[in-house]
Amino acid sequence: MKEMCQTEDQNGETSFICVRNRTDVIYNFQVCFFAMRPLQAFPWNLIENELENNSSSEILLDIVKQTCLHPLCRERPPSVKYRRRFLFHLIKLHEASASEPQDGLYDALGEVLGTEEGPECYKSYLLPCGEAVTLSESVAVISEGTTGLVTWEAALYLAEWALESTHVLLAVLELGSGVGLTGIAVCRSCRPSKYVFSDYHHSVLQRLRDNLQLNGLDNQNSKENPPRLCNSEDVVVANQNAPRVGVSVKDLDWKKVTEEQLRDLGINTVIAADVVYDPDIIGCLVELLSKILRCSANGSPPDIYISSTIRNPDTYNSFKKHLANAGIRHEVMSGPVNKVFHYNRLSSRIELLQLHL
């Protein structure tokens, strides 16, 4: 029998988790852990209920084995600070219960306490196909003068929408790809014939290339896929014989790129996440979008979809006014139906626009 568990994080985000058995509990902890979700978003009440109804605290050790001691964490770990806080919380729950001692919890904490924090960490996101997208990200939100070295919520939102809209994702150009979450998810699950990642900051482009190689999408000598997370019953195994996606990375200067260069990319769809955040670049962005819409490689202009977290309404409204002044119409699209990734859905307002002439 299925049980629905409700959790709420510090921002008021409510999540409903389907729980059928102990394996599902551990799996949900694992998914949250590798995506580095806020600790408040974990279904801790499920563990508390288990400890109250069972004299054994073995489930805590099982969670540690599938998170901090999992092979994926050994190879591509979340930040040291995050792992410490996670283990401290597990130990706090254990010590508050009347369960027998679990030396494994303290051994895991001791190992993490002896580890120094580096400038990078890894986040891993589970796809419906059963594969994990693992990204190298900066520990700091702003690093090397850019915000492009971390994954933002609008990218997760756009990726969820893309997973449900494979029919429009045939040959794709992504603007402002950042660390690559959306594009890697699309390439892994939607299998477009071509996917062009693009950005401009040199550090972002290097991190992007590293992440493509990390996920076997560098079109060269791909590394082995990362260790898989434990399977939930709902996971659909990926088709290993699916055709390979033609992937490329472009250093795209929005001001200098020409219509001819855009046309030569041979794309039919353009997507972007969180590119509307700075009033100073809105004019340049809209000019680029106008060029794209004037490109007609196959008799019709590319479809354009822009996903934005609306942090500053004035900036976002300015973007829409610039679109109107350029003769570009916009339509607000319905968001994704399936909640694939764990992220803040309530306190952040995210909007997806389709643009056309």
Protein backbone atom coordinates (compact mmCIF):
# COMPACT_ATOMS: atom_id res chain seq x y z
CA MET A 1 0.00 0.00 0.00
CA LYS A 2 1.27 3.46 -0.89
CA GLU A 3 1.61 6.22 1.69
CA MET A 4 1.97 9.91 0.82
CA CYS A 5 4.43 11.79 3.00
CA GLN A 6 4.37 15.60 3.11
CA THR A 7 7.55 17.57 3.83
CA GLU A 8 8.13 21.31 4.03
CA ASP A 9 11.43 23.19 3.89
CA GLN A 10 12.44 26.52 5.42
CA ASN A 11 11.06 28.41 2.42
CA GLY A 12 7.64 26.84 2.73
CA GLU A 13 8.13 24.42 -0.13
CA THR A 14 5.83 21.45 0.24
CA SER A 15 6.73 18.11 -1.30
CA PHE A 16 4.67 14.94 -1.45
CA ILE A 17 6.67 11.73 -1.53
CA CYS A 18 5.23 8.37 -2.46
CA VAL A 19 6.34 5.78 0.09
CA ARG A 20 5.58 2.10 -0.29
CA ASN A 21 8.27 0.52 1.81
CA ARG A 22 11.59 1.01 3.56
CA THR A 23 13.44 1.01 0.23
CA ASP A 24 11.41 4.03 -0.91
CA VAL A 25 12.31 5.92 2.26
CA ILE A 26 16.02 5.33 1.71
CA TYR A 27 15.69 6.14 -1.99
CA ASN A 28 14.05 9.51 -1.29
CA PHE A 29 16.82 10.40 1.15
CA GLN A 30 19.37 9.41 -1.46
CA VAL A 31 17.82 11.57 -4.20
CA CYS A 32 17.64 14.61 -1.90
CA PHE A 33 21.19 14.08 -0.64
CA PHE A 34 22.89 13.89 -4.03
CA ALA A 35 20.97 16.94 -5.29
CA MET A 36 22.08 18.78 -2.12
CA ARG A 37 18.54 19.73 -1.17
CA PRO A 38 18.13 21.80 2.02
CA LEU A 39 18.02 19.46 5.00
CA GLN A 40 14.57 20.76 5.92
CA ALA A 41 13.24 19.29 2.67
CA PHE A 42 14.12 15.71 3.67
CA PRO A 43 11.28 13.42 4.90
CA TRP A 44 12.68 13.23 8.43
CA ASN A 45 9.28 12.33 9.89
CA LEU A 46 9.50 8.95 8.16
CA ILE A 47 12.72 8.20 10.02
CA GLU A 48 11.31 9.44 13.31
CA ASN A 49 8.31 7.14 12.89
CA GLU A 50 10.61 4.22 12.10
CA LEU A 51 12.72 4.86 15.20
CA GLU A 52 9.64 5.18 17.41
CA ASN A 53 8.12 1.93 16.18
CA ASN A 54 11.32 -0.09 15.96
CA SER A 55 14.02 -0.58 18.57
CA SER A 56 16.60 -0.89 15.79
CA SER A 57 18.26 2.15 14.23
CA GLU A 58 19.57 0.13 11.32
CA ILE A 59 17.69 2.34 8.85
CA LEU A 60 20.02 5.23 9.74
CA LEU A 61 23.04 3.15 8.83
CA ASP A 62 21.33 2.03 5.62
CA ILE A 63 20.78 5.68 4.70
CA VAL A 64 24.45 6.47 5.32
CA LYS A 65 25.47 3.54 3.12
CA GLN A 66 23.30 4.85 0.28
CA THR A 67 24.47 8.46 0.68
CA CYS A 68 27.83 9.31 2.27
CA LEU A 69 29.27 5.82 1.71
CA HIS A 70 27.74 5.25 -1.73
CA PRO A 71 30.23 4.81 -4.62
CA LEU A 72 28.81 7.93 -6.30
CA CYS A 73 29.64 9.96 -3.20
CA ARG A 74 33.15 8.52 -3.17
CA GLU A 75 33.75 9.61 -6.76
CA ARG A 76 31.64 12.77 -7.03
CA PRO A 77 30.67 13.99 -3.56
CA PRO A 78 28.44 16.85 -2.42
CA SER A 79 30.24 19.59 -0.51
CA VAL A 80 32.04 18.69 2.72
CA LYS A 81 29.95 21.20 4.69
CA TYR A 82 26.75 19.65 3.39
CA ARG A 83 27.83 16.10 4.24
CA ARG A 84 28.81 17.18 7.75
CA ARG A 85 25.45 18.81 8.40
CA PHE A 86 23.62 15.78 7.01
CA LEU A 87 25.50 13.35 9.27
CA PHE A 88 25.11 15.59 12.32
CA HIS A 89 21.35 15.55 11.75
CA LEU A 90 21.26 11.76 11.45
CA ILE A 91 23.31 11.39 14.64
CA LYS A 92 21.04 13.83 16.45
CA LEU A 93 18.03 11.68 15.54
CA HIS A 94 19.86 8.55 16.64
CA GLU A 95 20.88 9.99 20.00
CA ALA A 96 17.33 11.19 20.66
CA SER A 97 16.03 7.64 20.22
CA ALA A 98 16.43 4.67 22.51
CA SER A 99 18.06 2.64 19.75
CA GLU A 100 21.24 0.65 20.06
CA PRO A 101 24.54 2.39 19.18
CA GLN A 102 25.58 2.60 15.54
CA ASP A 103 29.34 3.08 15.29
CA GLY A 104 29.02 3.37 11.52
CA LEU A 105 27.40 6.80 11.86
CA TYR A 106 30.31 8.17 13.86
CA ASP A 107 32.88 6.53 11.60
CA ALA A 108 31.30 8.25 8.59
CA LEU A 109 31.27 11.59 10.41
CA GLY A 110 34.90 11.18 11.45
CA GLU A 111 35.88 10.60 7.83
CA VAL A 112 34.08 13.76 6.66
CA LEU A 113 35.45 15.86 9.54
CA GLY A 114 38.93 14.96 8.35
CA THR A 115 38.22 16.17 4.81
CA GLU A 116 39.00 19.71 3.67
CA GLU A 117 36.46 21.70 1.66
CA GLY A 118 37.48 22.45 -1.91
CA PRO A 119 36.19 25.13 -4.30
CA GLU A 120 34.04 22.59 -6.16
CA CYS A 121 31.41 20.03 -5.28
CA TYR A 122 29.10 17.69 -7.19
CA LYS A 123 25.34 17.56 -7.49
CA SER A 124 23.59 14.57 -9.02
CA TYR A 125 20.03 14.55 -10.35
CA LEU A 126 18.13 11.36 -11.12
CA LEU A 127 16.32 11.22 -14.47
CA PRO A 128 13.17 9.18 -15.19
CA CYS A 129 15.29 6.96 -17.47
CA GLY A 130 17.24 5.82 -14.40
CA GLU A 131 20.47 7.66 -15.18
CA ALA A 132 21.98 10.35 -12.98
CA VAL A 133 23.16 13.71 -14.31
CA THR A 134 26.20 14.64 -12.24
CA LEU A 135 27.48 18.21 -12.32
CA SER A 136 30.63 19.81 -11.02
CA GLU A 137 29.59 23.12 -9.49
CA SER A 138 31.18 25.92 -7.52
CA VAL A 139 30.64 25.80 -3.76
CA ALA A 140 30.11 29.59 -3.87
CA VAL A 141 27.04 31.09 -5.59
CA ILE A 142 29.23 33.76 -7.19
CA SER A 143 32.62 32.51 -8.30
CA GLU A 144 35.21 33.96 -10.67
CA GLY A 145 32.94 36.92 -11.35
CA THR A 146 29.98 34.88 -12.61
CA THR A 147 26.85 33.11 -11.34
CA GLY A 148 27.09 30.56 -14.14
CA LEU A 149 29.01 27.96 -12.13
CA VAL A 150 25.95 26.72 -10.21
CA THR A 151 22.57 25.28 -11.22
CA TRP A 152 19.55 27.56 -10.80
CA GLU A 153 15.92 26.55 -10.29
CA ALA A 154 14.73 27.85 -13.67
CA ALA A 155 17.10 25.34 -15.31
CA LEU A 156 15.50 22.48 -13.36
CA TYR A 157 12.04 23.77 -14.32
CA LEU A 158 13.05 24.00 -17.99
CA ALA A 159 14.55 20.51 -17.87
CA GLU A 160 11.30 19.09 -16.47
CA TRP A 161 9.32 20.80 -19.22
CA ALA A 162 11.74 19.54 -21.86
CA LEU A 163 11.39 15.94 -20.68
CA GLU A 164 7.66 16.25 -21.48
CA SER A 165 8.17 18.11 -24.78
CA THR A 166 10.52 15.86 -26.72
CA HIS A 167 8.57 16.46 -29.96
CA VAL A 168 9.90 20.03 -30.25
CA LEU A 169 13.49 19.22 -29.28
CA LEU A 170 15.02 17.98 -32.52
CA ALA A 171 17.99 20.29 -33.13
CA VAL A 172 18.52 22.56 -30.14
CA LEU A 173 20.55 25.66 -29.31
CA GLU A 174 20.72 26.52 -25.62
CA LEU A 175 21.63 30.07 -24.62
CA GLY A 176 23.49 30.56 -21.35
CA SER A 177 23.99 26.84 -20.71
CA GLY A 178 25.90 27.40 -17.47
CA VAL A 179 27.07 24.13 -15.91
CA GLY A 180 24.84 22.18 -18.32
CA LEU A 181 21.99 20.64 -16.30
CA THR A 182 19.17 21.30 -18.78
CA GLY A 183 21.12 20.27 -21.86
CA ILE A 184 22.57 17.12 -20.35
CA ALA A 185 19.12 16.04 -19.15
CA VAL A 186 17.70 16.67 -22.63
CA CYS A 187 20.51 14.79 -24.36
CA ARG A 188 20.18 11.84 -22.00
CA SER A 189 16.39 11.55 -22.07
CA CYS A 190 15.06 13.24 -25.22
CA ARG A 191 17.81 12.24 -27.67
CA PRO A 192 17.69 15.21 -30.08
CA SER A 193 19.71 14.83 -33.26
CA LYS A 194 21.80 17.88 -32.36
CA TYR A 195 22.37 19.91 -29.21
CA VAL A 196 24.44 23.10 -29.16
CA PHE A 197 25.46 24.30 -25.71
CA SER A 198 26.55 27.93 -25.54
CA ASP A 199 27.87 30.48 -23.07
CA TYR A 200 30.42 33.27 -23.05
CA HIS A 201 32.35 33.37 -19.77
CA HIS A 202 35.57 31.36 -20.15
CA SER A 203 35.29 29.69 -16.72
CA VAL A 204 31.70 28.66 -17.39
CA LEU A 205 32.62 27.21 -20.78
CA GLN A 206 35.42 25.16 -19.24
CA ARG A 207 33.16 23.86 -16.46
CA LEU A 208 30.52 23.07 -19.07
CA ARG A 209 32.96 21.04 -21.16
CA ASP A 210 34.13 19.22 -18.04
CA ASN A 211 30.54 18.32 -17.15
CA LEU A 212 29.82 17.06 -20.64
CA GLN A 213 32.82 14.78 -20.38
CA LEU A 214 31.77 13.77 -16.87
CA ASN A 215 28.43 12.63 -18.28
CA GLY A 216 29.81 10.95 -21.40
CA LEU A 217 28.61 13.63 -23.85
CA ASP A 218 31.91 14.96 -25.11
CA ASN A 219 31.60 12.96 -28.38
CA GLN A 220 35.13 11.72 -27.85
CA ASN A 221 36.50 9.11 -25.49
CA SER A 222 33.65 9.15 -23.00
CA LYS A 223 34.29 8.14 -19.45
CA GLU A 224 32.23 5.42 -17.86
CA ASN A 225 28.88 6.52 -16.51
CA PRO A 226 28.81 7.34 -12.79
CA PRO A 227 27.57 4.68 -10.36
CA ARG A 228 23.78 4.41 -10.49
CA LEU A 229 21.61 5.29 -7.56
CA CYS A 230 19.49 2.51 -6.12
CA ASN A 231 16.43 1.98 -8.30
CA SER A 232 12.91 2.92 -7.28
CA GLU A 233 10.12 0.79 -8.73
CA ASP A 234 9.03 3.74 -10.89
CA VAL A 235 12.36 4.17 -12.68
CA VAL A 236 12.38 3.33 -16.38
CA VAL A 237 15.71 1.94 -17.55
CA ALA A 238 17.32 3.95 -20.35
CA ASN A 239 17.66 2.55 -23.85
CA GLN A 240 21.38 1.91 -24.15
CA ASN A 241 21.08 1.45 -27.94
CA ALA A 242 19.55 4.89 -28.57
CA PRO A 243 21.32 6.98 -31.25
CA ARG A 244 24.09 9.26 -30.05
CA VAL A 245 23.37 12.98 -29.87
CA GLY A 246 25.55 15.37 -31.86
CA VAL A 247 26.85 17.65 -29.10
CA SER A 248 28.89 20.84 -29.47
CA VAL A 249 29.87 23.79 -27.28
CA LYS A 250 29.93 27.32 -28.68
CA ASP A 251 31.53 30.45 -27.30
CA LEU A 252 28.59 32.66 -28.26
CA ASP A 253 29.00 36.42 -28.05
CA TRP A 254 25.44 37.77 -28.13
CA LYS A 255 26.58 41.12 -29.53
CA LYS A 256 28.81 39.83 -32.31
CA VAL A 257 27.10 36.69 -33.60
CA THR A 258 25.55 37.16 -37.05
CA GLU A 259 22.34 35.83 -38.55
CA GLU A 260 24.40 33.78 -40.98
CA GLN A 261 26.33 32.14 -38.14
CA LEU A 262 23.08 31.37 -36.32
CA ARG A 263 21.54 29.94 -39.49
CA ASP A 264 24.58 27.73 -40.04
CA LEU A 265 23.93 26.05 -36.68
CA GLY A 266 20.95 24.31 -38.30
CA ILE A 267 18.73 24.39 -35.23
CA ASN A 268 14.93 24.35 -34.98
CA THR A 269 14.54 25.11 -31.26
CA VAL A 270 16.21 27.58 -28.90
CA ILE A 271 15.92 27.27 -25.12
CA ALA A 272 17.35 29.27 -22.24
CA ALA A 273 17.03 29.39 -18.46
CA ASP A 274 17.68 32.35 -16.17
CA VAL A 275 19.08 34.66 -18.83
CA VAL A 276 16.73 37.51 -17.80
CA TYR A 277 18.35 38.78 -14.61
CA ASP A 278 20.44 41.85 -15.49
CA PRO A 279 18.80 45.03 -16.87
CA ASP A 280 22.05 45.92 -18.62
CA ILE A 281 21.95 42.89 -20.94
CA ILE A 282 18.23 42.84 -21.78
CA GLY A 283 18.66 44.95 -24.91
CA CYS A 284 21.46 42.73 -26.16
CA LEU A 285 19.46 39.58 -25.41
CA VAL A 286 16.37 40.81 -27.26
CA GLU A 287 18.49 41.81 -30.24
CA LEU A 288 19.91 38.28 -30.31
CA LEU A 289 16.42 36.77 -30.10
CA SER A 290 15.35 38.96 -33.02
CA LYS A 291 18.26 37.63 -35.09
CA ILE A 292 17.31 34.07 -34.23
CA LEU A 293 13.68 34.59 -35.23
CA ARG A 294 14.81 36.02 -38.56
CA CYS A 295 16.83 32.87 -39.23
CA SER A 296 14.87 30.40 -41.30
CA ALA A 297 16.99 27.40 -42.12
CA ASN A 298 14.05 25.17 -43.11
CA GLY A 299 11.42 27.68 -44.13
CA SER A 300 10.26 28.59 -40.63
CA PRO A 301 11.95 30.39 -37.72
CA PRO A 302 13.14 28.39 -34.70
CA ASP A 303 10.87 27.95 -31.71
CA ILE A 304 12.18 29.86 -28.67
CA TYR A 305 11.43 28.99 -25.04
CA ILE A 306 12.74 31.10 -22.14
CA SER A 307 12.47 29.93 -18.52
CA SER A 308 12.94 32.64 -15.89
CA THR A 309 12.88 32.94 -12.14
CA ILE A 310 11.19 36.30 -11.55
CA ARG A 311 13.37 37.78 -8.83
CA ASN A 312 12.82 41.41 -9.80
CA PRO A 313 9.44 42.12 -11.47
CA ASP A 314 10.73 45.42 -12.87
CA THR A 315 13.57 43.68 -14.70
CA TYR A 316 11.25 40.99 -16.03
CA ASN A 317 8.65 43.51 -17.19
CA SER A 318 11.41 45.49 -18.89
CA PHE A 319 12.34 42.33 -20.80
CA LYS A 320 8.75 41.92 -21.99
CA LYS A 321 8.59 45.58 -23.06
CA HIS A 322 11.80 45.19 -25.05
CA LEU A 323 10.27 42.13 -26.73
CA ALA A 324 7.16 44.09 -27.69
CA ASN A 325 9.22 46.99 -29.03
CA ALA A 326 11.15 44.52 -31.19
CA GLY A 327 7.93 43.08 -32.59
CA ILE A 328 8.32 39.80 -30.69
CA ARG A 329 5.20 38.33 -29.14
CA HIS A 330 5.27 36.05 -26.13
CA GLU A 331 2.98 33.40 -24.73
CA VAL A 332 3.14 32.03 -21.19
CA MET A 333 3.43 28.26 -21.38
CA SER A 334 2.03 25.71 -18.96
CA GLY A 335 4.68 24.34 -16.65
CA PRO A 336 5.78 20.72 -16.36
CA VAL A 337 3.27 18.22 -15.03
CA ASN A 338 5.69 15.72 -13.51
CA LYS A 339 7.94 16.78 -10.65
CA VAL A 340 11.19 15.08 -11.57
CA PHE A 341 13.65 17.16 -9.57
CA HIS A 342 13.64 18.39 -5.98
CA TYR A 343 13.73 22.20 -5.85
CA ASN A 344 11.83 25.15 -4.41
CA ARG A 345 8.56 25.44 -6.32
CA LEU A 346 6.56 27.80 -4.12
CA SER A 347 8.74 30.67 -2.93
CA SER A 348 10.27 31.16 -6.39
CA ARG A 349 8.02 32.27 -9.22
CA ILE A 350 9.19 30.67 -12.45
CA GLU A 351 7.64 31.46 -15.83
CA LEU A 352 8.17 29.82 -19.21
CA LEU A 353 7.67 31.95 -22.32
CA GLN A 354 7.38 30.92 -25.95
CA LEU A 355 8.49 33.69 -28.31
CA HIS A 356 7.38 34.27 -31.89
CA LEU A 357 7.02 37.06 -34.44
